[in-house]
């Protein structure tokens, strides 16, 4: 849920209340000069810790206050950012001048309701800003030791003969832990009358262990994110140690044999797939700027089986991509992108919705005040199905089960992901573990090749999305286990 107060409700010392009259005055005096004018003021508190082994590579806390101005004139956009409130008037002139310099068409912004409100995402436990930096640093050192414990306890793993006997020479060569938290407030004022103050807290931790045996190197990773409470990064010993264990185990596992396989992927890989491979293609700025993609992403086109449902939305509360209003003042929604296997929706800013004659979806987001809002995903997920997970393996003579991930990339319709763990599937049963499994394909043929959708589901809150130079924007991804035929698996 979100805590709301209408009108000029104050958040006390955490509020940007004192700047509302100033922004309103600036907007009122200059709104007649352009078709649209928006000022977004932002205050943030952040903490960053990065350890490489026992060595701190970063240790900082910071406070920032800055803002951005967006002006639109005859379809042309001007943008300027500032770090001092005293520079607001000068930067406003820059934004208006830029908009007038390039504007030569018409401004098409889909309409939204005008709102004046204050809201923030409530915490369910301890605010990380109240936790001393020394305590956060100690937590990072603790998790470094947990990663190392994979090597300390590797005796149980290193017993055996042949290839397994080489594990005695394996070790965790390096470890890394990264912690970050931020509290961000924004105040958006527009020439249409919108005045919205928002606030939220975000926390993230990343853990990695790199193992070595001679010239062979493997890496295990885990990430966790939350917008709920500091307690969410405590008591993660099992998850952290698993990263080190996977790094060690992978040194002696046989590689996958390359080819076409029926593959079962776990919910974490499903969430990654729907975000990276499909979600970005649903962002309408990419669609209306690319005629070929617009033709491909024609509403009403079938992409998958009738059991396939895909959504994106900031309206579901409690996730890292959740909020009440986007950075243009559009309320959060839930958009069904695929309904019964058919493309039925896409993600919009007010500009893209206006250009395509559709409805804004509340997906205009910026990383911070240095950047202009872009069409971005929020929480993206595949709805759970009805097939018991065990039945997804039924009838697979030779296939692969892939779980978690350690990397990946996309290029338009094409994707390649590297699984964090994988096993052969033989005669409908999980068999021996394997390593270095990469899954590649075309997103549209892969959607069409979905043969089964599991009745499980998992939200992965570890995502940090990148687009247009804005990397690390918090998102949520979710999905069930999937069975997909004819997946290209890289290997030997």
Protein backbone atom coordinates (compact mmCIF):
# COMPACT_ATOMS: atom_id res chain seq x y z
CA UNK A 1 0.00 0.00 0.00
CA UNK A 2 0.97 3.63 -0.35
CA UNK A 3 0.59 6.34 2.28
CA UNK A 4 -1.21 9.33 0.75
CA UNK A 5 -2.03 12.81 1.91
CA UNK A 6 -3.95 15.16 -0.34
CA UNK A 7 -3.10 18.75 -1.07
CA UNK A 8 -0.25 20.26 0.91
CA UNK A 9 0.30 17.47 3.45
CA UNK A 10 3.77 17.61 4.97
CA UNK A 11 6.31 14.85 5.53
CA UNK A 12 8.15 16.90 8.14
CA UNK A 13 11.95 16.87 7.82
CA UNK A 14 11.70 14.40 4.92
CA UNK A 15 9.50 16.70 2.86
CA UNK A 16 10.17 18.92 -0.14
CA UNK A 17 7.20 20.98 1.03
CA UNK A 18 9.22 24.19 1.28
CA UNK A 19 9.89 24.17 -2.46
CA UNK A 20 6.31 23.75 -3.64
CA UNK A 21 5.44 27.44 -3.69
CA UNK A 22 8.68 28.28 -5.50
CA UNK A 23 8.11 25.70 -8.24
CA UNK A 24 4.47 26.70 -8.60
CA UNK A 25 5.50 30.32 -9.04
CA UNK A 26 8.12 29.50 -11.68
CA UNK A 27 5.69 27.29 -13.60
CA UNK A 28 2.95 29.93 -13.48
CA UNK A 29 5.21 32.69 -14.82
CA UNK A 30 6.67 30.67 -17.71
CA UNK A 31 4.05 28.12 -18.79
CA UNK A 32 2.74 30.38 -21.59
CA UNK A 33 6.11 30.25 -23.36
CA UNK A 34 5.92 26.55 -24.34
CA UNK A 35 3.32 23.85 -24.88
CA UNK A 36 4.38 21.92 -21.78
CA UNK A 37 6.69 22.58 -18.86
CA UNK A 38 7.70 20.26 -16.02
CA UNK A 39 10.11 20.72 -13.12
CA UNK A 40 11.18 17.72 -11.07
CA UNK A 41 13.08 18.39 -7.85
CA UNK A 42 14.86 15.53 -6.11
CA UNK A 43 16.51 14.96 -2.75
CA UNK A 44 18.35 11.74 -2.01
CA UNK A 45 20.37 10.04 0.70
CA UNK A 46 22.60 7.17 -0.38
CA UNK A 47 25.09 4.70 1.06
CA UNK A 48 27.52 2.58 -0.98
CA UNK A 49 29.96 -0.07 0.24
CA UNK A 50 32.03 -2.29 -2.02
CA UNK A 51 34.48 -4.89 -0.71
CA UNK A 52 36.94 -6.92 -2.75
CA UNK A 53 38.00 -9.54 -0.25
CA UNK A 54 38.81 -7.62 2.92
CA UNK A 55 39.72 -4.47 1.00
CA UNK A 56 37.15 -1.67 0.77
CA UNK A 57 36.95 -0.33 -2.79
CA UNK A 58 34.15 2.09 -1.94
CA UNK A 59 32.74 3.37 1.33
CA UNK A 60 30.51 6.41 1.17
CA UNK A 61 27.38 8.14 2.34
CA UNK A 62 25.96 11.10 0.50
CA UNK A 63 23.20 13.67 0.38
CA UNK A 64 22.12 15.31 -2.87
CA UNK A 65 19.60 17.91 -3.94
CA UNK A 66 19.06 18.65 -7.59
CA UNK A 67 16.47 18.95 -10.27
CA UNK A 68 15.54 18.77 -13.91
CA UNK A 69 13.46 20.87 -16.27
CA UNK A 70 11.65 19.54 -19.33
CA UNK A 71 10.06 21.85 -21.86
CA UNK A 72 8.15 20.85 -24.99
CA UNK A 73 7.43 23.26 -27.85
CA UNK A 74 5.93 22.16 -31.19
CA UNK A 75 6.99 18.58 -30.50
CA UNK A 76 10.57 19.51 -29.63
CA UNK A 77 11.95 18.70 -26.18
CA UNK A 78 14.44 20.70 -24.17
CA UNK A 79 16.06 19.31 -21.04
CA UNK A 80 18.33 20.79 -18.38
CA UNK A 81 19.44 19.62 -14.94
CA UNK A 82 20.88 21.53 -12.00
CA UNK A 83 22.55 20.85 -8.66
CA UNK A 84 21.72 24.16 -6.97
CA UNK A 85 18.23 25.50 -6.55
CA UNK A 86 19.71 28.93 -7.26
CA UNK A 87 20.34 27.80 -10.85
CA UNK A 88 16.72 26.94 -11.54
CA UNK A 89 15.95 30.12 -13.49
CA UNK A 90 19.04 29.81 -15.71
CA UNK A 91 18.47 26.15 -16.49
CA UNK A 92 14.81 26.84 -17.26
CA UNK A 93 15.91 29.28 -19.94
CA UNK A 94 18.24 26.62 -21.36
CA UNK A 95 15.45 24.03 -21.57
CA UNK A 96 12.97 26.42 -23.19
CA UNK A 97 15.56 27.65 -25.70
CA UNK A 98 16.45 24.08 -26.69
CA UNK A 99 12.80 23.12 -27.15
CA UNK A 100 12.14 26.12 -29.38
CA UNK A 101 15.30 25.48 -31.38
CA UNK A 102 14.23 22.01 -32.51
CA UNK A 103 10.42 22.12 -32.32
CA UNK A 104 8.81 22.19 -35.79
CA UNK A 105 5.77 19.92 -35.51
CA UNK A 106 2.96 19.53 -32.99
CA UNK A 107 3.06 18.50 -29.36
CA UNK A 108 1.13 15.26 -28.78
CA UNK A 109 0.89 14.34 -25.13
CA UNK A 110 -1.86 11.92 -24.19
CA UNK A 111 -4.05 13.46 -21.48
CA UNK A 112 -3.90 12.41 -17.83
CA UNK A 113 -5.80 13.49 -14.75
CA UNK A 114 -4.30 16.43 -12.90
CA UNK A 115 -3.27 15.38 -9.39
CA UNK A 116 -1.94 17.19 -6.34
CA UNK A 117 -0.85 14.71 -3.69
CA UNK A 118 1.92 13.48 -1.44
CA UNK A 119 2.70 9.78 -1.17
CA UNK A 120 5.53 7.50 -0.19
CA UNK A 121 6.19 3.78 -0.06
CA UNK A 122 6.06 2.79 3.63
CA UNK A 123 8.76 0.61 5.15
CA UNK A 124 7.83 -2.60 6.94
CA UNK A 125 10.83 -2.54 9.29
CA UNK A 126 14.09 -0.71 9.95
CA UNK A 127 14.95 2.31 7.81
CA UNK A 128 18.51 1.68 6.53
CA UNK A 129 19.33 5.37 7.11
CA UNK A 130 19.16 4.69 10.85
CA UNK A 131 21.77 1.91 10.66
CA UNK A 132 25.36 3.13 11.26
CA UNK A 133 27.79 2.89 8.35
CA UNK A 134 30.10 0.80 10.53
CA UNK A 135 27.35 -1.77 11.06
CA UNK A 136 26.66 -2.02 7.33
CA UNK A 137 30.37 -2.44 6.64
CA UNK A 138 30.59 -5.18 9.28
CA UNK A 139 27.71 -6.98 7.55
CA UNK A 140 29.60 -6.88 4.25
CA UNK A 141 32.74 -8.33 5.90
CA UNK A 142 30.59 -11.05 7.46
CA UNK A 143 29.28 -12.08 4.05
CA UNK A 144 32.83 -12.09 2.66
CA UNK A 145 33.66 -14.71 5.30
CA UNK A 146 30.54 -16.67 4.36
CA UNK A 147 31.67 -16.75 0.72
CA UNK A 148 35.07 -17.98 1.83
CA UNK A 149 33.45 -20.70 3.90
CA UNK A 150 32.65 -22.51 0.68
CA UNK A 151 36.37 -23.16 0.33
CA UNK A 152 36.80 -23.95 4.01
CA UNK A 153 34.05 -26.58 3.82
CA UNK A 154 35.05 -27.94 0.44
CA UNK A 155 36.43 -31.13 1.98
CA UNK A 156 33.01 -32.68 1.67
CA UNK A 157 33.00 -31.65 -1.97
CA UNK A 158 36.56 -32.60 -2.83
CA UNK A 159 36.42 -36.30 -1.98
CA UNK A 160 36.35 -38.75 -4.85
CA UNK A 161 38.46 -40.01 -7.70
CA UNK A 162 39.21 -38.88 -11.24
CA UNK A 163 37.91 -35.44 -12.11
CA UNK A 164 36.34 -35.06 -8.68
CA UNK A 165 39.70 -35.69 -7.08
CA UNK A 166 40.98 -32.47 -8.67
CA UNK A 167 38.65 -30.51 -6.45
CA UNK A 168 41.20 -30.75 -3.69
CA UNK A 169 43.25 -28.25 -5.69
CA UNK A 170 40.27 -25.94 -6.16
CA UNK A 171 39.89 -22.77 -4.16
CA UNK A 172 37.93 -19.55 -3.91
CA UNK A 173 40.34 -17.14 -5.58
CA UNK A 174 38.42 -13.93 -4.93
CA UNK A 175 35.26 -12.67 -3.25
CA UNK A 176 33.26 -9.48 -3.57
CA UNK A 177 30.30 -7.96 -1.75
CA UNK A 178 28.48 -4.79 -2.66
CA UNK A 179 25.90 -3.00 -0.50
CA UNK A 180 23.84 0.05 -1.46
CA UNK A 181 20.81 1.81 -0.11
CA UNK A 182 19.09 5.03 -1.09
CA UNK A 183 16.18 7.14 -0.02
CA UNK A 184 14.84 9.23 -2.87
CA UNK A 185 12.22 11.95 -2.79
CA UNK A 186 10.85 13.72 -5.83
CA UNK A 187 8.59 16.72 -6.30
CA UNK A 188 7.01 17.07 -9.75
CA UNK A 189 5.29 20.28 -10.84
CA UNK A 190 3.86 20.76 -14.35
CA UNK A 191 2.27 23.53 -16.37
CA UNK A 192 -0.97 21.53 -16.39
CA UNK A 193 -1.29 21.80 -12.61
CA UNK A 194 0.12 18.46 -11.44
CA UNK A 195 1.99 18.65 -8.14
CA UNK A 196 3.16 15.28 -6.78
CA UNK A 197 5.62 14.54 -4.00
CA UNK A 198 6.85 10.93 -3.66
CA UNK A 199 9.39 9.07 -1.56
CA UNK A 200 10.77 5.54 -1.38
CA UNK A 201 13.70 3.54 -0.01
CA UNK A 202 15.69 1.01 -2.03
CA UNK A 203 18.25 -1.55 -0.81
CA UNK A 204 20.48 -3.90 -2.79
CA UNK A 205 23.27 -6.37 -2.06
CA UNK A 206 25.41 -8.31 -4.56
CA UNK A 207 27.67 -11.25 -3.74
CA UNK A 208 30.17 -13.05 -5.96
CA UNK A 209 32.85 -15.70 -5.57
CA UNK A 210 35.39 -16.68 -8.20
CA UNK A 211 36.99 -20.12 -8.00
CA UNK A 212 40.15 -21.34 -9.67
CA UNK A 213 41.72 -24.67 -10.48
CA UNK A 214 44.83 -24.11 -12.56
CA UNK A 215 43.75 -22.04 -15.55
CA UNK A 216 40.08 -22.84 -15.13
CA UNK A 217 37.92 -20.14 -13.54
CA UNK A 218 34.25 -20.17 -12.54
CA UNK A 219 32.02 -17.60 -10.85
CA UNK A 220 28.98 -17.87 -8.59
CA UNK A 221 26.72 -14.87 -7.97
CA UNK A 222 23.70 -13.90 -5.90
CA UNK A 223 21.81 -10.60 -5.70
CA UNK A 224 18.99 -9.39 -3.49
CA UNK A 225 16.96 -6.19 -3.59
CA UNK A 226 14.18 -4.74 -1.47
CA UNK A 227 12.06 -1.67 -0.89
CA UNK A 228 10.76 -2.94 2.42
CA UNK A 229 13.28 -2.91 5.26
CA UNK A 230 16.93 -3.30 6.26
CA UNK A 231 16.06 -6.69 7.75
CA UNK A 232 15.75 -8.06 4.21
CA UNK A 233 19.55 -8.07 3.82
CA UNK A 234 20.15 -9.88 7.13
CA UNK A 235 20.40 -13.65 7.66
CA UNK A 236 21.36 -14.38 4.05
CA UNK A 237 24.10 -16.86 4.93
CA UNK A 238 22.57 -19.78 3.02
CA UNK A 239 22.04 -17.73 -0.14
CA UNK A 240 25.53 -16.20 0.01
CA UNK A 241 27.30 -19.48 0.70
CA UNK A 242 25.45 -21.05 -2.23
CA UNK A 243 27.25 -18.64 -4.57
CA UNK A 244 30.63 -19.86 -3.34
CA UNK A 245 29.55 -23.50 -3.46
CA UNK A 246 28.39 -23.13 -7.08
CA UNK A 247 31.67 -21.51 -8.08
CA UNK A 248 33.63 -24.44 -6.63
CA UNK A 249 31.32 -27.12 -7.97
CA UNK A 250 31.41 -25.77 -11.51
CA UNK A 251 35.18 -26.29 -11.77
CA UNK A 252 34.81 -30.05 -12.20
CA UNK A 253 31.43 -30.39 -13.90
CA UNK A 254 31.34 -31.56 -17.52
CA UNK A 255 30.34 -28.93 -20.08
CA UNK A 256 27.08 -29.06 -21.97
CA UNK A 257 27.11 -30.53 -25.45
CA UNK A 258 25.90 -27.89 -27.86
CA UNK A 259 22.71 -28.41 -29.81
CA UNK A 260 18.93 -28.02 -29.86
CA UNK A 261 17.21 -29.16 -26.66
CA UNK A 262 13.90 -29.10 -24.90
CA UNK A 263 14.74 -26.98 -21.87
CA UNK A 264 13.01 -26.45 -18.55
CA UNK A 265 13.93 -23.14 -16.90
CA UNK A 266 13.23 -22.06 -13.34
CA UNK A 267 11.21 -18.95 -12.34
CA UNK A 268 14.33 -16.76 -12.00
CA UNK A 269 15.35 -17.44 -15.60
CA UNK A 270 11.72 -16.97 -16.69
CA UNK A 271 11.71 -13.54 -15.07
CA UNK A 272 15.00 -12.64 -16.73
CA UNK A 273 13.71 -13.84 -20.09
CA UNK A 274 10.44 -11.92 -19.96
CA UNK A 275 12.23 -8.72 -18.90
CA UNK A 276 15.26 -8.75 -21.16
CA UNK A 277 14.07 -10.60 -24.24
CA UNK A 278 10.43 -9.48 -24.43
CA UNK A 279 9.89 -6.54 -22.11
CA UNK A 280 12.21 -4.10 -23.86
CA UNK A 281 10.46 -4.79 -27.18
CA UNK A 282 7.20 -3.73 -25.50
CA UNK A 283 8.51 -0.25 -24.69
CA UNK A 284 6.65 2.02 -27.08
CA UNK A 285 9.49 4.48 -27.71
CA UNK A 286 11.37 1.63 -29.40
CA UNK A 287 8.24 0.72 -31.36
CA UNK A 288 7.24 4.08 -32.77
CA UNK A 289 10.83 4.99 -33.66
CA UNK A 290 11.39 1.69 -35.54
CA UNK A 291 8.93 0.91 -38.38
CA UNK A 292 10.12 -2.70 -38.66
CA UNK A 293 9.59 -3.33 -34.96
CA UNK A 294 6.23 -1.57 -35.10
CA UNK A 295 5.13 -4.03 -37.78
CA UNK A 296 6.45 -6.97 -35.77
CA UNK A 297 4.78 -5.79 -32.56
CA UNK A 298 1.34 -5.36 -34.11
CA UNK A 299 -1.43 -5.61 -31.53
CA UNK A 300 -3.49 -8.71 -32.10
CA UNK A 301 -0.58 -10.82 -33.35
CA UNK A 302 -0.17 -14.27 -31.79
CA UNK A 303 3.18 -14.88 -30.11
CA UNK A 304 2.64 -17.83 -27.80
CA UNK A 305 0.26 -20.55 -26.60
CA UNK A 306 -3.22 -19.73 -25.32
CA UNK A 307 -2.00 -20.37 -21.76
CA UNK A 308 0.57 -17.54 -21.94
CA UNK A 309 -0.19 -14.30 -20.02
CA UNK A 310 2.44 -11.53 -19.65
CA UNK A 311 2.06 -8.36 -17.57
CA UNK A 312 3.97 -5.25 -16.58
CA UNK A 313 2.92 -2.76 -13.97
CA UNK A 314 3.94 -0.57 -11.04
CA UNK A 315 0.52 -0.92 -9.40
CA UNK A 316 1.23 -4.23 -7.56
CA UNK A 317 2.67 -3.03 -4.26
CA UNK A 318 5.72 -4.31 -2.43
CA UNK A 319 8.06 -4.78 -5.39
CA UNK A 320 11.13 -2.84 -6.50
CA UNK A 321 9.41 -1.57 -9.61
CA UNK A 322 6.34 -0.35 -7.73
CA UNK A 323 5.28 3.26 -7.22
CA UNK A 324 2.16 5.42 -7.17
CA UNK A 325 2.96 7.80 -10.07
CA UNK A 326 5.60 7.77 -12.77
CA UNK A 327 7.97 10.67 -13.42
CA UNK A 328 5.40 12.43 -15.63
CA UNK A 329 2.64 12.22 -13.04
CA UNK A 330 0.77 9.35 -14.70
CA UNK A 331 -0.72 6.95 -12.13
CA UNK A 332 0.70 3.46 -11.91
CA UNK A 333 -1.19 0.79 -13.81
CA UNK A 334 -0.98 -2.90 -14.66
CA UNK A 335 -0.72 -3.54 -18.40
CA UNK A 336 -1.41 -6.95 -19.88
CA UNK A 337 1.09 -7.24 -22.71
CA UNK A 338 0.10 -10.73 -23.87
CA UNK A 339 -3.37 -12.19 -23.34
CA UNK A 340 -3.92 -15.86 -24.15
CA UNK A 341 -0.78 -15.79 -26.29
CA UNK A 342 -1.81 -12.68 -28.27
CA UNK A 343 -0.11 -9.25 -28.08
CA UNK A 344 -2.62 -6.91 -26.46
CA UNK A 345 -0.63 -4.07 -24.88
CA UNK A 346 2.56 -2.04 -24.72
CA UNK A 347 4.26 0.35 -22.36
CA UNK A 348 3.90 4.10 -22.77
CA UNK A 349 4.97 7.56 -21.78
CA UNK A 350 2.55 10.38 -22.49
CA UNK A 351 4.44 11.20 -25.70
CA UNK A 352 4.44 7.67 -27.12
CA UNK A 353 0.79 7.19 -26.15
CA UNK A 354 -0.08 10.44 -27.91
CA UNK A 355 1.89 9.49 -31.02
CA UNK A 356 0.25 6.05 -31.28
CA UNK A 357 -3.22 7.13 -30.17
CA UNK A 358 -3.18 4.93 -27.07
CA UNK A 359 -3.48 5.38 -23.31
CA UNK A 360 -0.51 6.25 -21.04
CA UNK A 361 0.50 3.32 -18.84
CA UNK A 362 2.63 5.11 -16.22
CA UNK A 363 5.97 3.79 -17.52
CA UNK A 364 7.92 7.04 -17.93
CA UNK A 365 10.83 6.73 -15.48
CA UNK A 366 14.19 8.37 -14.88
CA UNK A 367 17.08 7.03 -12.81
CA UNK A 368 17.57 10.42 -11.14
CA UNK A 369 17.40 14.12 -11.90
CA UNK A 370 20.39 13.97 -14.26
CA UNK A 371 18.28 12.13 -16.84
CA UNK A 372 15.06 12.67 -18.74
CA UNK A 373 12.29 10.06 -18.25
CA UNK A 374 12.21 7.21 -20.75
CA UNK A 375 9.70 4.45 -21.32
CA UNK A 376 10.86 1.79 -18.86
CA UNK A 377 9.55 -1.47 -17.47
CA UNK A 378 8.45 -1.64 -13.83
CA UNK A 379 7.51 -5.13 -12.58
CA UNK A 380 7.30 -7.56 -15.50
CA UNK A 381 6.04 -11.10 -15.13
CA UNK A 382 4.63 -14.21 -16.75
CA UNK A 383 1.52 -15.40 -14.93
CA UNK A 384 1.72 -18.81 -13.28
CA UNK A 385 0.23 -21.74 -15.16
CA UNK A 386 -1.48 -24.93 -14.08
CA UNK A 387 1.10 -27.63 -14.84
CA UNK A 388 2.83 -29.19 -11.81
CA UNK A 389 6.55 -28.51 -12.14
CA UNK A 390 7.42 -32.21 -12.04
CA UNK A 391 5.23 -32.78 -15.10
CA UNK A 392 7.22 -30.26 -17.14
CA UNK A 393 9.93 -32.92 -17.40
CA UNK A 394 7.58 -35.67 -18.58
CA UNK A 395 8.45 -37.08 -21.99
CA UNK A 396 11.81 -35.33 -22.34
CA UNK A 397 14.17 -38.03 -23.60
CA UNK A 398 17.27 -35.81 -23.57
CA UNK A 399 17.00 -32.22 -22.40
CA UNK A 400 18.35 -29.64 -19.96
CA UNK A 401 17.11 -28.07 -16.74
CA UNK A 402 18.55 -24.58 -16.18
CA UNK A 403 18.32 -22.54 -12.99
CA UNK A 404 19.37 -19.04 -11.95
CA UNK A 405 21.68 -16.94 -14.12
CA UNK A 406 25.14 -15.36 -14.14
CA UNK A 407 24.96 -13.22 -17.27
CA UNK A 408 23.27 -12.48 -20.55
CA UNK A 409 22.68 -10.05 -23.36
CA UNK A 410 20.02 -9.15 -25.89
CA UNK A 411 20.17 -7.62 -29.35
CA UNK A 412 16.74 -6.78 -30.67
CA UNK A 413 14.86 -10.05 -31.08
CA UNK A 414 17.90 -12.19 -30.18
CA UNK A 415 19.00 -13.19 -26.71
CA UNK A 416 21.73 -15.20 -24.98
CA UNK A 417 21.63 -16.06 -21.27
CA UNK A 418 24.09 -18.05 -19.18
CA UNK A 419 22.54 -20.27 -16.53
CA UNK A 420 23.88 -20.24 -13.00
CA UNK A 421 23.29 -23.99 -12.65
CA UNK A 422 22.16 -26.72 -15.03
CA UNK A 423 21.46 -30.46 -15.20
CA UNK A 424 20.87 -32.90 -18.00
CA UNK A 425 17.36 -34.30 -18.22
CA UNK A 426 17.16 -37.95 -19.27
CA UNK A 427 13.96 -39.92 -19.73
CA UNK A 428 11.93 -37.33 -17.87
CA UNK A 429 14.25 -37.13 -14.85
CA UNK A 430 16.96 -34.73 -13.72
CA UNK A 431 20.35 -36.40 -14.21
CA UNK A 432 23.96 -35.25 -13.92
CA UNK A 433 24.88 -31.59 -13.34
CA UNK A 434 26.67 -29.72 -16.14
CA UNK A 435 28.32 -26.33 -16.55
CA UNK A 436 28.71 -23.43 -19.00
CA UNK A 437 25.13 -23.64 -20.29
CA UNK A 438 24.13 -20.76 -22.54
CA UNK A 439 20.59 -20.46 -23.86
CA UNK A 440 20.12 -18.57 -27.11
CA UNK A 441 17.33 -17.85 -29.53
CA UNK A 442 14.84 -15.50 -31.10
CA UNK A 443 12.33 -14.20 -28.57
CA UNK A 444 9.32 -14.66 -30.83
CA UNK A 445 10.09 -18.23 -31.85
CA UNK A 446 10.94 -18.99 -28.20
CA UNK A 447 7.55 -17.71 -27.03
CA UNK A 448 5.88 -19.83 -29.71
CA UNK A 449 7.86 -22.87 -28.53
CA UNK A 450 6.62 -22.75 -24.92
CA UNK A 451 5.15 -26.20 -24.28
CA UNK A 452 4.35 -25.94 -20.59
CA UNK A 453 3.86 -23.30 -17.88
CA UNK A 454 4.42 -24.39 -14.29
CA UNK A 455 2.12 -23.76 -11.37
CA UNK A 456 4.99 -22.25 -9.33
CA UNK A 457 5.96 -18.58 -9.22
CA UNK A 458 8.81 -16.45 -7.87
CA UNK A 459 9.44 -12.71 -7.72
CA UNK A 460 13.06 -11.79 -8.36
CA UNK A 461 13.70 -8.38 -6.76
CA UNK A 462 17.39 -8.26 -7.69
CA UNK A 463 17.04 -6.55 -11.04
CA UNK A 464 18.71 -3.32 -12.11
CA UNK A 465 17.65 -2.33 -15.63
CA UNK A 466 19.71 -0.32 -18.11
CA UNK A 467 18.54 1.78 -21.04
CA UNK A 468 19.63 5.01 -22.70
CA UNK A 469 22.64 5.41 -20.42
CA UNK A 470 20.49 5.03 -17.29
CA UNK A 471 21.71 1.83 -15.65
CA UNK A 472 20.60 0.34 -12.35
CA UNK A 473 16.94 1.39 -12.35
CA UNK A 474 15.14 -0.85 -9.86
CA UNK A 475 12.70 -3.33 -11.40
CA UNK A 476 10.96 -6.54 -10.44
CA UNK A 477 10.76 -9.71 -12.55
CA UNK A 478 8.64 -12.76 -11.99
CA UNK A 479 7.43 -15.95 -13.52
CA UNK A 480 6.85 -19.69 -13.24
CA UNK A 481 8.98 -22.55 -14.50
CA UNK A 482 8.69 -22.97 -18.27
CA UNK A 483 9.22 -25.86 -20.68
CA UNK A 484 10.45 -24.67 -24.09
CA UNK A 485 11.33 -26.80 -27.11
CA UNK A 486 14.12 -26.24 -29.65
CA UNK A 487 16.31 -23.96 -27.53
CA UNK A 488 19.84 -23.44 -28.83
CA UNK A 489 22.26 -24.52 -26.10
CA UNK A 490 25.88 -23.54 -26.45
CA UNK A 491 28.61 -25.88 -25.31
CA UNK A 492 31.22 -28.26 -26.59
